[in-house]
């Protein structure tokens, strides 16, 4: 239902408002280059997952990386 509501609202916008909306969505998006840099340097601790908003798996990686066995599992992950 909310999807239809959002589409209805979007169809009521003029071209200038649509351009502003598009640029806002683009600005709020995550940069993949930053995600890969975080993965390279902090991947074992889930830094890239925190950045991408996947906090559940990021916390799991962080907790697992504290132990030696968890470090092995996280490096394979």
N, C-alpha and C. Protein backbone atom coordinates (compact mmCIF):
# COMPACT_ATOMS: atom_id res chain seq x y z
N UNK A 1 0.81 -1.18 0.00
CA UNK A 1 0.00 0.00 0.00
C UNK A 1 0.86 1.26 0.00
N UNK A 2 1.93 1.26 0.79
CA UNK A 2 2.78 2.45 0.85
C UNK A 2 3.51 2.69 -0.47
N UNK A 3 3.78 1.62 -1.22
CA UNK A 3 4.44 1.77 -2.51
C UNK A 3 3.53 2.54 -3.47
N UNK A 4 2.26 2.18 -3.50
CA UNK A 4 1.31 2.89 -4.36
C UNK A 4 1.18 4.34 -3.93
N UNK A 5 1.19 4.58 -2.63
CA UNK A 5 1.09 5.94 -2.11
C UNK A 5 2.31 6.75 -2.53
N UNK A 6 3.51 6.16 -2.40
CA UNK A 6 4.74 6.86 -2.80
C UNK A 6 4.77 7.14 -4.29
N UNK A 7 4.31 6.18 -5.10
CA UNK A 7 4.28 6.40 -6.55
C UNK A 7 3.30 7.50 -6.91
N UNK A 8 2.17 7.53 -6.22
CA UNK A 8 1.19 8.58 -6.45
C UNK A 8 1.74 9.95 -6.10
N UNK A 9 2.46 10.02 -4.99
CA UNK A 9 3.05 11.30 -4.58
C UNK A 9 4.15 11.72 -5.55
N UNK A 10 4.93 10.76 -6.02
CA UNK A 10 6.03 11.08 -6.93
C UNK A 10 5.49 11.59 -8.27
N UNK A 11 4.35 11.06 -8.70
CA UNK A 11 3.79 11.49 -9.98
C UNK A 11 3.25 12.91 -9.92
N UNK A 12 3.06 13.45 -8.72
CA UNK A 12 2.55 14.81 -8.57
C UNK A 12 3.66 15.86 -8.59
N UNK A 13 4.92 15.43 -8.59
CA UNK A 13 6.04 16.36 -8.56
C UNK A 13 6.34 16.87 -9.97
N UNK A 14 6.83 18.11 -10.03
CA UNK A 14 7.26 18.63 -11.33
C UNK A 14 8.71 18.23 -11.59
N UNK A 15 9.24 18.60 -12.74
CA UNK A 15 10.58 18.16 -13.16
C UNK A 15 11.66 18.64 -12.20
N UNK A 16 11.56 19.89 -11.73
CA UNK A 16 12.57 20.43 -10.81
C UNK A 16 12.56 19.67 -9.49
N UNK A 17 11.38 19.39 -8.98
CA UNK A 17 11.28 18.65 -7.72
C UNK A 17 11.78 17.23 -7.86
N UNK A 18 11.52 16.61 -9.02
CA UNK A 18 12.02 15.26 -9.27
C UNK A 18 13.54 15.23 -9.32
N UNK A 19 14.15 16.26 -9.93
CA UNK A 19 15.61 16.34 -9.98
C UNK A 19 16.19 16.50 -8.58
N UNK A 20 15.56 17.33 -7.76
CA UNK A 20 16.03 17.50 -6.38
C UNK A 20 15.91 16.21 -5.60
N UNK A 21 14.80 15.51 -5.77
CA UNK A 21 14.60 14.24 -5.08
C UNK A 21 15.64 13.22 -5.50
N UNK A 22 15.90 13.14 -6.81
CA UNK A 22 16.89 12.21 -7.33
C UNK A 22 18.28 12.50 -6.79
N UNK A 23 18.65 13.78 -6.72
CA UNK A 23 19.98 14.13 -6.21
C UNK A 23 20.09 13.84 -4.72
N UNK A 24 19.01 14.02 -3.97
CA UNK A 24 19.03 13.71 -2.53
C UNK A 24 19.22 12.22 -2.32
N UNK A 25 18.49 11.41 -3.08
CA UNK A 25 18.62 9.95 -2.95
C UNK A 25 20.03 9.52 -3.31
N UNK A 26 20.58 10.12 -4.36
CA UNK A 26 21.94 9.78 -4.79
C UNK A 26 22.96 10.17 -3.72
N UNK A 27 22.78 11.33 -3.09
CA UNK A 27 23.71 11.79 -2.06
C UNK A 27 23.66 10.92 -0.81
N UNK A 28 22.51 10.37 -0.52
CA UNK A 28 22.38 9.52 0.67
C UNK A 28 22.86 8.10 0.44
N UNK A 29 23.12 7.75 -0.81
CA UNK A 29 23.58 6.41 -1.14
C UNK A 29 25.00 6.17 -0.61
N UNK A 30 25.33 4.92 -0.49
CA UNK A 30 26.64 4.55 0.02
C UNK A 30 27.63 4.46 -1.13
N UNK A 31 28.85 4.89 -0.89
CA UNK A 31 29.91 4.86 -1.88
C UNK A 31 30.60 3.49 -1.81
N UNK A 32 30.59 2.77 -2.93
CA UNK A 32 31.17 1.43 -2.95
C UNK A 32 32.68 1.46 -2.78
N UNK A 33 33.35 2.51 -3.24
CA UNK A 33 34.81 2.62 -3.07
C UNK A 33 35.15 2.66 -1.59
N UNK A 34 34.39 3.45 -0.83
CA UNK A 34 34.62 3.52 0.62
C UNK A 34 34.34 2.17 1.26
N UNK A 35 33.30 1.49 0.82
CA UNK A 35 32.98 0.17 1.37
C UNK A 35 34.12 -0.81 1.12
N UNK A 36 34.70 -0.78 -0.07
CA UNK A 36 35.82 -1.68 -0.36
C UNK A 36 37.06 -1.32 0.43
N UNK A 37 37.32 -0.05 0.64
CA UNK A 37 38.48 0.36 1.46
C UNK A 37 38.28 -0.11 2.90
N UNK A 38 37.07 0.06 3.42
CA UNK A 38 36.78 -0.43 4.77
C UNK A 38 36.91 -1.95 4.85
N UNK A 39 36.45 -2.62 3.80
CA UNK A 39 36.58 -4.08 3.78
C UNK A 39 38.05 -4.49 3.79
N UNK A 40 38.88 -3.77 3.04
CA UNK A 40 40.30 -4.12 2.96
C UNK A 40 40.99 -3.94 4.30
N UNK A 41 40.71 -2.82 4.97
CA UNK A 41 41.42 -2.52 6.22
C UNK A 41 40.71 -3.04 7.47
N UNK A 42 39.40 -3.05 7.47
CA UNK A 42 38.65 -3.43 8.67
C UNK A 42 37.68 -4.58 8.42
N UNK A 43 37.90 -5.32 7.36
CA UNK A 43 36.99 -6.40 6.98
C UNK A 43 36.85 -7.47 8.03
N UNK A 44 37.93 -7.79 8.70
CA UNK A 44 37.89 -8.82 9.73
C UNK A 44 37.00 -8.42 10.90
N UNK A 45 36.84 -7.14 11.12
CA UNK A 45 36.04 -6.64 12.23
C UNK A 45 34.66 -6.15 11.79
N UNK A 46 34.33 -6.29 10.52
CA UNK A 46 33.01 -5.93 10.03
C UNK A 46 32.81 -4.45 9.76
N UNK A 47 33.88 -3.69 9.57
CA UNK A 47 33.78 -2.26 9.34
C UNK A 47 32.96 -1.91 8.12
N UNK A 48 33.13 -2.67 7.05
CA UNK A 48 32.37 -2.42 5.83
C UNK A 48 30.88 -2.71 6.02
N UNK A 49 30.55 -3.68 6.86
CA UNK A 49 29.15 -4.00 7.10
C UNK A 49 28.47 -2.91 7.94
N UNK A 50 29.20 -2.35 8.89
CA UNK A 50 28.65 -1.22 9.65
C UNK A 50 28.36 -0.06 8.70
N UNK A 51 29.27 0.21 7.79
CA UNK A 51 29.09 1.31 6.84
C UNK A 51 27.87 1.09 5.94
N UNK A 52 27.67 -0.14 5.48
CA UNK A 52 26.56 -0.44 4.58
C UNK A 52 25.22 -0.58 5.31
N UNK A 53 25.24 -0.48 6.63
CA UNK A 53 23.99 -0.55 7.39
C UNK A 53 23.57 -1.95 7.77
N UNK A 54 24.44 -2.91 7.62
CA UNK A 54 24.14 -4.30 8.00
C UNK A 54 24.68 -4.55 9.40
N UNK A 55 24.07 -3.91 10.39
CA UNK A 55 24.63 -3.93 11.74
C UNK A 55 24.56 -5.30 12.39
N UNK A 56 23.56 -6.11 12.06
CA UNK A 56 23.46 -7.44 12.67
C UNK A 56 24.66 -8.30 12.34
N UNK A 57 24.97 -8.43 11.06
CA UNK A 57 26.12 -9.25 10.67
C UNK A 57 27.43 -8.57 11.04
N UNK A 58 27.45 -7.23 11.11
CA UNK A 58 28.66 -6.52 11.51
C UNK A 58 28.99 -6.81 12.97
N UNK A 59 27.98 -6.80 13.82
CA UNK A 59 28.20 -7.11 15.23
C UNK A 59 28.63 -8.56 15.38
N UNK A 60 28.03 -9.46 14.59
CA UNK A 60 28.44 -10.87 14.65
C UNK A 60 29.90 -11.02 14.26
N UNK A 61 30.34 -10.34 13.21
CA UNK A 61 31.74 -10.41 12.80
C UNK A 61 32.65 -9.82 13.87
N UNK A 62 32.23 -8.72 14.47
CA UNK A 62 33.04 -8.09 15.50
C UNK A 62 33.20 -8.99 16.71
N UNK A 63 32.12 -9.61 17.14
CA UNK A 63 32.18 -10.51 18.29
C UNK A 63 33.00 -11.75 17.97
N UNK A 64 32.82 -12.30 16.77
CA UNK A 64 33.59 -13.48 16.39
C UNK A 64 35.07 -13.18 16.27
N UNK A 65 35.43 -12.00 15.85
CA UNK A 65 36.84 -11.69 15.65
C UNK A 65 37.60 -11.52 16.96
N UNK A 66 36.90 -11.49 18.08
CA UNK A 66 37.57 -11.38 19.38
C UNK A 66 38.25 -12.70 19.75
N UNK A 67 37.67 -13.84 19.38
CA UNK A 67 38.25 -15.13 19.72
C UNK A 67 39.10 -15.66 18.57
N UNK A 68 39.97 -16.59 18.86
CA UNK A 68 40.85 -17.16 17.84
C UNK A 68 40.03 -17.99 16.85
N UNK A 69 39.14 -18.83 17.35
CA UNK A 69 38.31 -19.65 16.47
C UNK A 69 37.40 -18.75 15.64
N UNK A 70 36.85 -17.71 16.28
CA UNK A 70 36.00 -16.76 15.57
C UNK A 70 36.76 -16.01 14.50
N UNK A 71 38.05 -15.75 14.75
CA UNK A 71 38.89 -15.06 13.77
C UNK A 71 39.03 -15.90 12.50
N UNK A 72 39.16 -17.21 12.67
CA UNK A 72 39.26 -18.11 11.51
C UNK A 72 37.95 -18.11 10.75
N UNK A 73 36.83 -18.20 11.48
CA UNK A 73 35.51 -18.19 10.84
C UNK A 73 35.29 -16.87 10.11
N UNK A 74 35.64 -15.75 10.74
CA UNK A 74 35.45 -14.45 10.13
C UNK A 74 36.31 -14.28 8.89
N UNK A 75 37.54 -14.80 8.90
CA UNK A 75 38.39 -14.64 7.72
C UNK A 75 37.85 -15.43 6.55
N UNK A 76 37.21 -16.57 6.80
CA UNK A 76 36.58 -17.34 5.72
C UNK A 76 35.31 -16.63 5.26
N UNK A 77 34.58 -16.03 6.20
CA UNK A 77 33.34 -15.33 5.90
C UNK A 77 33.62 -14.20 4.96
